């Protein structure tokens, strides 16, 4: 089982909320039940983009006959490494930056 945090909407406030996923039933969004509970009991909602992303991951896992948990873990590792690479590229000087220092 994987535990992660999603920024959810509670009225006008965004706040982190912890979710847990395992291998979801075919045809259900991996966080559908928890999202419904969050709405019913706490009055919160999961952003539609997050719900859609989980649905897409589940579809991909089923199409490729891989574990949803493994695909989720892989996707998060890739997203993290892409984010770190982008941060490094943002900090690296560009050719334009170097030329302007020469003048």
PDB file of N, CA and C in Angstrom:
ATOM      1  N   UNK A   1       0.840  -1.174   0.000  1.00  0.00           N
ATOM      2  CA  UNK A   1       0.000   0.000   0.000  1.00  0.00           C
ATOM      3  C   UNK A   1       0.888   1.241   0.000  1.00  0.00           C
ATOM      4  N   UNK A   2       0.479   2.223  -0.779  1.00  0.00           N
ATOM      5  CA  UNK A   2       1.231   3.464  -0.917  1.00  0.00           C
ATOM      6  C   UNK A   2       0.460   4.591  -0.239  1.00  0.00           C
ATOM      7  N   UNK A   3       1.159   5.420   0.499  1.00  0.00           N
ATOM      8  CA  UNK A   3       0.570   6.581   1.159  1.00  0.00           C
ATOM      9  C   UNK A   3       1.139   7.836   0.515  1.00  0.00           C
ATOM     10  N   UNK A   4       0.299   8.808   0.246  1.00  0.00           N
ATOM     11  CA  UNK A   4       0.744  10.057  -0.359  1.00  0.00           C
ATOM     12  C   UNK A   4      -0.208  11.161   0.051  1.00  0.00           C
ATOM     13  N   UNK A   5       0.185  12.398  -0.191  1.00  0.00           N
ATOM     14  CA  UNK A   5      -0.595  13.567   0.207  1.00  0.00           C
ATOM     15  C   UNK A   5      -1.008  14.342  -1.035  1.00  0.00           C
ATOM     16  N   UNK A   6      -2.262  14.775  -1.046  1.00  0.00           N
ATOM     17  CA  UNK A   6      -2.803  15.586  -2.132  1.00  0.00           C
ATOM     18  C   UNK A   6      -3.329  16.884  -1.532  1.00  0.00           C
ATOM     19  N   UNK A   7      -3.070  17.996  -2.206  1.00  0.00           N
ATOM     20  CA  UNK A   7      -3.659  19.268  -1.804  1.00  0.00           C
ATOM     21  C   UNK A   7      -5.120  19.257  -2.238  1.00  0.00           C
ATOM     22  N   UNK A   8      -6.040  19.275  -1.275  1.00  0.00           N
ATOM     23  CA  UNK A   8      -7.470  19.211  -1.556  1.00  0.00           C
ATOM     24  C   UNK A   8      -8.123  20.549  -1.224  1.00  0.00           C
ATOM     25  N   UNK A   9      -9.306  20.740  -1.767  1.00  0.00           N
ATOM     26  CA  UNK A   9     -10.057  21.972  -1.565  1.00  0.00           C
ATOM     27  C   UNK A   9     -11.073  21.770  -0.453  1.00  0.00           C
ATOM     28  N   UNK A  10     -11.050  22.638   0.547  1.00  0.00           N
ATOM     29  CA  UNK A  10     -12.014  22.639   1.642  1.00  0.00           C
ATOM     30  C   UNK A  10     -12.626  24.028   1.685  1.00  0.00           C
ATOM     31  N   UNK A  11     -13.720  24.199   0.981  1.00  0.00           N
ATOM     32  CA  UNK A  11     -14.304  25.540   0.861  1.00  0.00           C
ATOM     33  C   UNK A  11     -13.368  26.413   0.056  1.00  0.00           C
ATOM     34  N   UNK A  12     -12.879  27.468   0.672  1.00  0.00           N
ATOM     35  CA  UNK A  12     -11.964  28.377  -0.024  1.00  0.00           C
ATOM     36  C   UNK A  12     -10.500  28.098   0.314  1.00  0.00           C
ATOM     37  N   UNK A  13     -10.273  27.074   1.101  1.00  0.00           N
ATOM     38  CA  UNK A  13      -8.920  26.771   1.579  1.00  0.00           C
ATOM     39  C   UNK A  13      -8.395  25.485   0.937  1.00  0.00           C
ATOM     40  N   UNK A  14      -7.123  25.495   0.555  1.00  0.00           N
ATOM     41  CA  UNK A  14      -6.437  24.282   0.112  1.00  0.00           C
ATOM     42  C   UNK A  14      -5.667  23.730   1.298  1.00  0.00           C
ATOM     43  N   UNK A  15      -5.761  22.430   1.501  1.00  0.00           N
ATOM     44  CA  UNK A  15      -5.048  21.806   2.610  1.00  0.00           C
ATOM     45  C   UNK A  15      -4.619  20.397   2.201  1.00  0.00           C
ATOM     46  N   UNK A  16      -3.496  19.936   2.751  1.00  0.00           N
ATOM     47  CA  UNK A  16      -3.036  18.583   2.430  1.00  0.00           C
ATOM     48  C   UNK A  16      -3.932  17.534   3.081  1.00  0.00           C
ATOM     49  N   UNK A  17      -4.122  16.431   2.377  1.00  0.00           N
ATOM     50  CA  UNK A  17      -4.886  15.322   2.919  1.00  0.00           C
ATOM     51  C   UNK A  17      -4.206  14.033   2.489  1.00  0.00           C
ATOM     52  N   UNK A  18      -4.064  13.091   3.404  1.00  0.00           N
ATOM     53  CA  UNK A  18      -3.363  11.837   3.146  1.00  0.00           C
ATOM     54  C   UNK A  18      -4.302  10.804   2.531  1.00  0.00           C
ATOM     55  N   UNK A  19      -3.820  10.162   1.462  1.00  0.00           N
ATOM     56  CA  UNK A  19      -4.547   9.093   0.783  1.00  0.00           C
ATOM     57  C   UNK A  19      -3.702   7.828   0.799  1.00  0.00           C
ATOM     58  N   UNK A  20      -4.358   6.691   0.623  1.00  0.00           N
ATOM     59  CA  UNK A  20      -3.694   5.395   0.571  1.00  0.00           C
ATOM     60  C   UNK A  20      -4.219   4.657  -0.653  1.00  0.00           C
ATOM     61  N   UNK A  21      -3.309   4.045  -1.416  1.00  0.00           N
ATOM     62  CA  UNK A  21      -3.750   3.243  -2.560  1.00  0.00           C
ATOM     63  C   UNK A  21      -3.088   1.884  -2.546  1.00  0.00           C
ATOM     64  N   UNK A  22      -3.796   0.957  -3.107  1.00  0.00           N
ATOM     65  CA  UNK A  22      -3.287  -0.386  -3.338  1.00  0.00           C
ATOM     66  C   UNK A  22      -3.628  -0.742  -4.766  1.00  0.00           C
ATOM     67  N   UNK A  23      -3.967  -1.993  -5.006  1.00  0.00           N
ATOM     68  CA  UNK A  23      -4.406  -2.406  -6.336  1.00  0.00           C
ATOM     69  C   UNK A  23      -5.906  -2.170  -6.416  1.00  0.00           C
ATOM     70  N   UNK A  24      -6.342  -1.186  -7.195  1.00  0.00           N
ATOM     71  CA  UNK A  24      -7.769  -0.855  -7.262  1.00  0.00           C
ATOM     72  C   UNK A  24      -8.569  -1.881  -8.055  1.00  0.00           C
ATOM     73  N   UNK A  25      -9.856  -1.901  -7.807  1.00  0.00           N
ATOM     74  CA  UNK A  25     -10.755  -2.761  -8.583  1.00  0.00           C
ATOM     75  C   UNK A  25     -10.857  -2.216  -9.999  1.00  0.00           C
ATOM     76  N   UNK A  26     -10.990  -3.099 -10.950  1.00  0.00           N
ATOM     77  CA  UNK A  26     -11.123  -2.690 -12.345  1.00  0.00           C
ATOM     78  C   UNK A  26     -12.390  -1.844 -12.496  1.00  0.00           C
ATOM     79  N   UNK A  27     -12.230  -0.730 -13.175  1.00  0.00           N
ATOM     80  CA  UNK A  27     -13.376   0.138 -13.435  1.00  0.00           C
ATOM     81  C   UNK A  27     -13.626   1.197 -12.379  1.00  0.00           C
ATOM     82  N   UNK A  28     -12.779   1.260 -11.354  1.00  0.00           N
ATOM     83  CA  UNK A  28     -12.952   2.296 -10.344  1.00  0.00           C
ATOM     84  C   UNK A  28     -11.680   3.124 -10.245  1.00  0.00           C
ATOM     85  N   UNK A  29     -11.857   4.409 -10.041  1.00  0.00           N
ATOM     86  CA  UNK A  29     -10.716   5.282  -9.848  1.00  0.00           C
ATOM     87  C   UNK A  29     -10.013   4.847  -8.560  1.00  0.00           C
ATOM     88  N   UNK A  30      -8.690   4.784  -8.566  1.00  0.00           N
ATOM     89  CA  UNK A  30      -7.954   4.307  -7.387  1.00  0.00           C
ATOM     90  C   UNK A  30      -8.235   5.073  -6.097  1.00  0.00           C
ATOM     91  N   UNK A  31      -8.663   6.331  -6.202  1.00  0.00           N
ATOM     92  CA  UNK A  31      -8.963   7.083  -4.980  1.00  0.00           C
ATOM     93  C   UNK A  31     -10.441   7.482  -4.910  1.00  0.00           C
ATOM     94  N   UNK A  32     -11.267   6.811  -5.687  1.00  0.00           N
ATOM     95  CA  UNK A  32     -12.696   7.142  -5.754  1.00  0.00           C
ATOM     96  C   UNK A  32     -13.380   7.065  -4.388  1.00  0.00           C
ATOM     97  N   UNK A  33     -13.187   5.974  -3.679  1.00  0.00           N
ATOM     98  CA  UNK A  33     -13.850   5.798  -2.383  1.00  0.00           C
ATOM     99  C   UNK A  33     -13.367   6.814  -1.352  1.00  0.00           C
ATOM    100  N   UNK A  34     -12.066   7.052  -1.324  1.00  0.00           N
ATOM    101  CA  UNK A  34     -11.535   8.015  -0.368  1.00  0.00           C
ATOM    102  C   UNK A  34     -11.980   9.432  -0.708  1.00  0.00           C
ATOM    103  N   UNK A  35     -12.048   9.726  -2.005  1.00  0.00           N
ATOM    104  CA  UNK A  35     -12.521  11.035  -2.443  1.00  0.00           C
ATOM    105  C   UNK A  35     -13.980  11.245  -2.038  1.00  0.00           C
ATOM    106  N   UNK A  36     -14.801  10.215  -2.211  1.00  0.00           N
ATOM    107  CA  UNK A  36     -16.215  10.299  -1.830  1.00  0.00           C
ATOM    108  C   UNK A  36     -16.341  10.511  -0.319  1.00  0.00           C
ATOM    109  N   UNK A  37     -15.538   9.793   0.454  1.00  0.00           N
ATOM    110  CA  UNK A  37     -15.559   9.958   1.909  1.00  0.00           C
ATOM    111  C   UNK A  37     -15.137  11.369   2.289  1.00  0.00           C
ATOM    112  N   UNK A  38     -14.085  11.868   1.650  1.00  0.00           N
ATOM    113  CA  UNK A  38     -13.596  13.212   1.937  1.00  0.00           C
ATOM    114  C   UNK A  38     -14.699  14.239   1.701  1.00  0.00           C
ATOM    115  N   UNK A  39     -15.438  14.087   0.621  1.00  0.00           N
ATOM    116  CA  UNK A  39     -16.536  15.002   0.294  1.00  0.00           C
ATOM    117  C   UNK A  39     -17.667  14.885   1.319  1.00  0.00           C
ATOM    118  N   UNK A  40     -18.067  13.659   1.597  1.00  0.00           N
ATOM    119  CA  UNK A  40     -19.220  13.397   2.465  1.00  0.00           C
ATOM    120  C   UNK A  40     -18.955  13.780   3.926  1.00  0.00           C
ATOM    121  N   UNK A  41     -17.790  13.409   4.435  1.00  0.00           N
ATOM    122  CA  UNK A  41     -17.523  13.573   5.863  1.00  0.00           C
ATOM    123  C   UNK A  41     -16.802  14.882   6.189  1.00  0.00           C
ATOM    124  N   UNK A  42     -15.872  15.267   5.349  1.00  0.00           N
ATOM    125  CA  UNK A  42     -15.062  16.445   5.640  1.00  0.00           C
ATOM    126  C   UNK A  42     -15.392  17.666   4.782  1.00  0.00           C
ATOM    127  N   UNK A  43     -16.234  17.478   3.764  1.00  0.00           N
ATOM    128  CA  UNK A  43     -16.592  18.600   2.897  1.00  0.00           C
ATOM    129  C   UNK A  43     -15.467  19.029   1.977  1.00  0.00           C
ATOM    130  N   UNK A  44     -14.525  18.126   1.723  1.00  0.00           N
ATOM    131  CA  UNK A  44     -13.383  18.442   0.866  1.00  0.00           C
ATOM    132  C   UNK A  44     -13.518  17.807  -0.498  1.00  0.00           C
ATOM    133  N   UNK A  45     -12.707  18.280  -1.429  1.00  0.00           N
ATOM    134  CA  UNK A  45     -12.729  17.680  -2.761  1.00  0.00           C
ATOM    135  C   UNK A  45     -11.314  17.569  -3.317  1.00  0.00           C
ATOM    136  N   UNK A  46     -11.121  16.501  -4.087  1.00  0.00           N
ATOM    137  CA  UNK A  46      -9.851  16.257  -4.762  1.00  0.00           C
ATOM    138  C   UNK A  46      -9.916  16.986  -6.101  1.00  0.00           C
ATOM    139  N   UNK A  47      -8.863  17.702  -6.485  1.00  0.00           N
ATOM    140  CA  UNK A  47      -8.878  18.371  -7.791  1.00  0.00           C
ATOM    141  C   UNK A  47      -9.149  17.376  -8.920  1.00  0.00           C
ATOM    142  N   UNK A  48      -9.955  17.786  -9.883  1.00  0.00           N
ATOM    143  CA  UNK A  48     -10.331  16.916 -10.996  1.00  0.00           C
ATOM    144  C   UNK A  48      -9.106  16.449 -11.773  1.00  0.00           C
ATOM    145  N   UNK A  49      -8.072  17.295 -11.852  1.00  0.00           N
ATOM    146  CA  UNK A  49      -6.849  16.914 -12.560  1.00  0.00           C
ATOM    147  C   UNK A  49      -6.187  15.719 -11.896  1.00  0.00           C
ATOM    148  N   UNK A  50      -6.253  15.664 -10.579  1.00  0.00           N
ATOM    149  CA  UNK A  50      -5.663  14.545  -9.834  1.00  0.00           C
ATOM    150  C   UNK A  50      -6.491  13.279 -10.063  1.00  0.00           C
ATOM    151  N   UNK A  51      -7.804  13.413 -10.003  1.00  0.00           N
ATOM    152  CA  UNK A  51      -8.670  12.255 -10.255  1.00  0.00           C
ATOM    153  C   UNK A  51      -8.418  11.718 -11.663  1.00  0.00           C
ATOM    154  N   UNK A  52      -8.325  12.622 -12.637  1.00  0.00           N
ATOM    155  CA  UNK A  52      -8.074  12.212 -14.023  1.00  0.00           C
ATOM    156  C   UNK A  52      -6.718  11.531 -14.173  1.00  0.00           C
ATOM    157  N   UNK A  53      -5.707  12.053 -13.483  1.00  0.00           N
ATOM    158  CA  UNK A  53      -4.361  11.465 -13.571  1.00  0.00           C
ATOM    159  C   UNK A  53      -4.356  10.037 -13.024  1.00  0.00           C
ATOM    160  N   UNK A  54      -5.062   9.802 -11.931  1.00  0.00           N
ATOM    161  CA  UNK A  54      -5.136   8.450 -11.384  1.00  0.00           C
ATOM    162  C   UNK A  54      -5.882   7.520 -12.324  1.00  0.00           C
ATOM    163  N   UNK A  55      -6.924   8.026 -12.954  1.00  0.00           N
ATOM    164  CA  UNK A  55      -7.674   7.225 -13.921  1.00  0.00           C
ATOM    165  C   UNK A  55      -6.782   6.848 -15.102  1.00  0.00           C
ATOM    166  N   UNK A  56      -5.994   7.791 -15.570  1.00  0.00           N
ATOM    167  CA  UNK A  56      -5.081   7.541 -16.688  1.00  0.00           C
ATOM    168  C   UNK A  56      -4.025   6.515 -16.304  1.00  0.00           C
ATOM    169  N   UNK A  57      -3.472   6.643 -15.110  1.00  0.00           N
ATOM    170  CA  UNK A  57      -2.478   5.666 -14.646  1.00  0.00           C
ATOM    171  C   UNK A  57      -3.079   4.264 -14.558  1.00  0.00           C
ATOM    172  N   UNK A  58      -4.293   4.172 -14.040  1.00  0.00           N
ATOM    173  CA  UNK A  58      -4.932   2.862 -13.926  1.00  0.00           C
ATOM    174  C   UNK A  58      -5.162   2.258 -15.310  1.00  0.00           C
ATOM    175  N   UNK A  59      -5.649   3.057 -16.245  1.00  0.00           N
ATOM    176  CA  UNK A  59      -5.875   2.576 -17.609  1.00  0.00           C
ATOM    177  C   UNK A  59      -4.572   2.066 -18.216  1.00  0.00           C
ATOM    178  N   UNK A  60      -3.505   2.827 -18.025  1.00  0.00           N
ATOM    179  CA  UNK A  60      -2.196   2.431 -18.550  1.00  0.00           C
ATOM    180  C   UNK A  60      -1.708   1.135 -17.905  1.00  0.00           C
ATOM    181  N   UNK A  61      -1.901   1.006 -16.608  1.00  0.00           N
ATOM    182  CA  UNK A  61      -1.484  -0.215 -15.909  1.00  0.00           C
ATOM    183  C   UNK A  61      -2.235  -1.429 -16.460  1.00  0.00           C
ATOM    184  N   UNK A  62      -3.531  -1.269 -16.674  1.00  0.00           N
ATOM    185  CA  UNK A  62      -4.331  -2.382 -17.198  1.00  0.00           C
ATOM    186  C   UNK A  62      -3.935  -2.727 -18.630  1.00  0.00           C
ATOM    187  N   UNK A  63      -3.729  -1.700 -19.454  1.00  0.00           N
ATOM    188  CA  UNK A  63      -3.353  -1.933 -20.856  1.00  0.00           C
ATOM    189  C   UNK A  63      -2.000  -2.625 -20.981  1.00  0.00           C
ATOM    190  N   UNK A  64      -1.089  -2.321 -20.057  1.00  0.00           N
ATOM    191  CA  UNK A  64       0.258  -2.873 -20.118  1.00  0.00           C
ATOM    192  C   UNK A  64       0.474  -4.060 -19.185  1.00  0.00           C
ATOM    193  N   UNK A  65      -0.612  -4.493 -18.523  1.00  0.00           N
ATOM    194  CA  UNK A  65      -0.560  -5.646 -17.642  1.00  0.00           C
ATOM    195  C   UNK A  65       0.531  -5.517 -16.573  1.00  0.00           C
ATOM    196  N   UNK A  66       0.562  -4.348 -15.938  1.00  0.00           N
ATOM    197  CA  UNK A  66       1.503  -4.107 -14.840  1.00  0.00           C
ATOM    198  C   UNK A  66       0.729  -3.717 -13.592  1.00  0.00           C
ATOM    199  N   UNK A  67       1.356  -3.860 -12.470  1.00  0.00           N
ATOM    200  CA  UNK A  67       0.761  -3.490 -11.196  1.00  0.00           C
ATOM    201  C   UNK A  67       0.543  -1.973 -11.142  1.00  0.00           C
ATOM    202  N   UNK A  68      -0.647  -1.564 -10.690  1.00  0.00           N
ATOM    203  CA  UNK A  68      -0.930  -0.141 -10.552  1.00  0.00           C
ATOM    204  C   UNK A  68       0.049   0.506  -9.580  1.00  0.00           C
ATOM    205  N   UNK A  69       0.306  -0.161  -8.454  1.00  0.00           N
ATOM    206  CA  UNK A  69       1.220   0.390  -7.451  1.00  0.00           C
ATOM    207  C   UNK A  69       2.619   0.595  -8.047  1.00  0.00           C
ATOM    208  N   UNK A  70       3.092  -0.372  -8.825  1.00  0.00           N
ATOM    209  CA  UNK A  70       4.419  -0.246  -9.438  1.00  0.00           C
ATOM    210  C   UNK A  70       4.445   0.888 -10.449  1.00  0.00           C
ATOM    211  N   UNK A  71       3.385   1.011 -11.256  1.00  0.00           N
ATOM    212  CA  UNK A  71       3.326   2.090 -12.245  1.00  0.00           C
ATOM    213  C   UNK A  71       3.257   3.441 -11.553  1.00  0.00           C
ATOM    214  N   UNK A  72       2.477   3.544 -10.482  1.00  0.00           N
ATOM    215  CA  UNK A  72       2.386   4.795  -9.720  1.00  0.00           C
ATOM    216  C   UNK A  72       3.767   5.170  -9.178  1.00  0.00           C
ATOM    217  N   UNK A  73       4.450   4.213  -8.583  1.00  0.00           N
ATOM    218  CA  UNK A  73       5.776   4.465  -8.023  1.00  0.00           C
ATOM    219  C   UNK A  73       6.737   4.923  -9.115  1.00  0.00           C
ATOM    220  N   UNK A  74       6.721   4.254 -10.252  1.00  0.00           N
ATOM    221  CA  UNK A  74       7.578   4.624 -11.380  1.00  0.00           C
ATOM    222  C   UNK A  74       7.250   6.035 -11.858  1.00  0.00           C
ATOM    223  N   UNK A  75       5.973   6.336 -12.016  1.00  0.00           N
ATOM    224  CA  UNK A  75       5.556   7.666 -12.497  1.00  0.00           C
ATOM    225  C   UNK A  75       6.003   8.759 -11.529  1.00  0.00           C
ATOM    226  N   UNK A  76       5.887   8.518 -10.240  1.00  0.00           N
ATOM    227  CA  UNK A  76       6.296   9.527  -9.259  1.00  0.00           C
ATOM    228  C   UNK A  76       7.814   9.718  -9.263  1.00  0.00           C
ATOM    229  N   UNK A  77       8.567   8.613  -9.424  1.00  0.00           N
ATOM    230  CA  UNK A  77      10.026   8.721  -9.504  1.00  0.00           C
ATOM    231  C   UNK A  77      10.432   9.519 -10.738  1.00  0.00           C
ATOM    232  N   UNK A  78       9.777   9.260 -11.873  1.00  0.00           N
ATOM    233  CA  UNK A  78      10.066   9.991 -13.101  1.00  0.00           C
ATOM    234  C   UNK A  78       9.721  11.468 -12.957  1.00  0.00           C
ATOM    235  N   UNK A  79       8.583  11.751 -12.369  1.00  0.00           N
ATOM    236  CA  UNK A  79       8.167  13.142 -12.176  1.00  0.00           C
ATOM    237  C   UNK A  79       9.150  13.873 -11.273  1.00  0.00           C
ATOM    238  N   UNK A  80       9.625  13.197 -10.245  1.00  0.00           N
ATOM    239  CA  UNK A  80      10.582  13.796  -9.324  1.00  0.00           C
ATOM    240  C   UNK A  80      11.916  14.050 -10.023  1.00  0.00           C
ATOM    241  N   UNK A  81      12.392  13.079 -10.802  1.00  0.00           N
ATOM    242  CA  UNK A  81      13.678  13.266 -11.484  1.00  0.00           C
ATOM    243  C   UNK A  81      13.552  14.337 -12.570  1.00  0.00           C
ATOM    244  N   UNK A  82      12.410  14.401 -13.268  1.00  0.00           N
ATOM    245  CA  UNK A  82      12.196  15.459 -14.260  1.00  0.00           C
ATOM    246  C   UNK A  82      12.173  16.825 -13.600  1.00  0.00           C
ATOM    247  N   UNK A  83      11.542  16.903 -12.444  1.00  0.00           N
ATOM    248  CA  UNK A  83      11.457  18.161 -11.710  1.00  0.00           C
ATOM    249  C   UNK A  83      12.836  18.606 -11.236  1.00  0.00           C
ATOM    250  N   UNK A  84      13.625  17.659 -10.742  1.00  0.00           N
ATOM    251  CA  UNK A  84      14.980  17.979 -10.289  1.00  0.00           C
ATOM    252  C   UNK A  84      15.848  18.411 -11.456  1.00  0.00           C
ATOM    253  N   UNK A  85      15.708  17.760 -12.609  1.00  0.00           N
ATOM    254  CA  UNK A  85      16.481  18.131 -13.799  1.00  0.00           C
ATOM    255  C   UNK A  85      16.091  19.526 -14.262  1.00  0.00           C
ATOM    256  N   UNK A  86      14.810  19.851 -14.214  1.00  0.00           N
ATOM    257  CA  UNK A  86      14.355  21.189 -14.609  1.00  0.00           C
ATOM    258  C   UNK A  86      14.912  22.235 -13.657  1.00  0.00           C
ATOM    259  N   UNK A  87      14.936  21.919 -12.358  1.00  0.00           N
ATOM    260  CA  UNK A  87      15.497  22.860 -11.380  1.00  0.00           C
ATOM    261  C   UNK A  87      16.978  23.102 -11.651  1.00  0.00           C
ATOM    262  N   UNK A  88      17.709  22.028 -11.991  1.00  0.00           N
ATOM    263  CA  UNK A  88      19.134  22.171 -12.294  1.00  0.00           C
ATOM    264  C   UNK A  88      19.326  23.006 -13.555  1.00  0.00           C
ATOM    265  N   UNK A  89      18.501  22.785 -14.571  1.00  0.00           N
ATOM    266  CA  UNK A  89      18.595  23.558 -15.804  1.00  0.00           C
ATOM    267  C   UNK A  89      18.262  25.023 -15.576  1.00  0.00           C
ATOM    268  N   UNK A  90      17.336  25.306 -14.697  1.00  0.00           N
ATOM    269  CA  UNK A  90      16.986  26.690 -14.384  1.00  0.00           C
ATOM    270  C   UNK A  90      18.151  27.405 -13.718  1.00  0.00           C
ATOM    271  N   UNK A  91      18.945  26.673 -12.937  1.00  0.00           N
ATOM    272  CA  UNK A  91      20.055  27.272 -12.214  1.00  0.00           C
ATOM    273  C   UNK A  91      21.309  27.386 -13.087  1.00  0.00           C
ATOM    274  N   UNK A  92      21.400  26.601 -14.158  1.00  0.00           N
ATOM    275  CA  UNK A  92      22.597  26.609 -15.005  1.00  0.00           C
ATOM    276  C   UNK A  92      22.629  27.869 -15.864  1.00  0.00           C
ATOM    277  N   UNK A  93      23.795  28.460 -16.023  1.00  0.00           N
ATOM    278  CA  UNK A  93      23.885  29.644 -16.885  1.00  0.00           C
ATOM    279  C   UNK A  93      23.666  29.251 -18.338  1.00  0.00           C
ATOM    280  N   UNK A  94      23.057  30.128 -19.071  1.00  0.00           N
ATOM    281  CA  UNK A  94      22.826  29.879 -20.491  1.00  0.00           C
ATOM    282  C   UNK A  94      23.895  30.582 -21.299  1.00  0.00           C
ATOM    283  N   UNK A  95      23.956  30.259 -22.577  1.00  0.00           N
ATOM    284  CA  UNK A  95      24.938  30.893 -23.452  1.00  0.00           C
ATOM    285  C   UNK A  95      24.721  32.397 -23.481  1.00  0.00           C
ATOM    286  N   UNK A  96      23.476  32.821 -23.497  1.00  0.00           N
ATOM    287  CA  UNK A  96      23.154  34.248 -23.489  1.00  0.00           C
ATOM    288  C   UNK A  96      23.686  34.892 -22.219  1.00  0.00           C
ATOM    289  N   UNK A  97      23.525  34.205 -21.092  1.00  0.00           N
ATOM    290  CA  UNK A  97      24.021  34.736 -19.819  1.00  0.00           C
ATOM    291  C   UNK A  97      25.528  34.910 -19.868  1.00  0.00           C
ATOM    292  N   UNK A  98      26.236  33.930 -20.439  1.00  0.00           N
ATOM    293  CA  UNK A  98      27.683  34.010 -20.503  1.00  0.00           C
ATOM    294  C   UNK A  98      28.143  35.139 -21.420  1.00  0.00           C
ATOM    295  N   UNK A  99      27.493  35.320 -22.555  1.00  0.00           N
ATOM    296  CA  UNK A  99      27.866  36.385 -23.489  1.00  0.00           C
ATOM    297  C   UNK A  99      27.630  37.755 -22.891  1.00  0.00           C
ATOM    298  N   UNK A 100      26.574  37.916 -22.146  1.00  0.00           N
ATOM    299  CA  UNK A 100      26.290  39.234 -21.579  1.00  0.00           C
ATOM    300  C   UNK A 100      27.318  39.593 -20.508  1.00  0.00           C
ATOM    301  N   UNK A 101      27.919  38.588 -19.877  1.00  0.00           N
ATOM    302  CA  UNK A 101      28.923  38.866 -18.859  1.00  0.00           C
ATOM    303  C   UNK A 101      30.230  39.341 -19.514  1.00  0.00           C
ATOM    304  N   UNK A 102      30.451  38.970 -20.789  1.00  0.00           N
ATOM    305  CA  UNK A 102      31.675  39.373 -21.473  1.00  0.00           C
ATOM    306  C   UNK A 102      31.641  40.822 -21.944  1.00  0.00           C
ATOM    307  N   UNK A 103      30.484  41.403 -22.038  1.00  0.00           N
ATOM    308  CA  UNK A 103      30.390  42.768 -22.568  1.00  0.00           C
ATOM    309  C   UNK A 103      30.437  43.821 -21.540  1.00  0.00           C
TER     310      UNK A 103
END
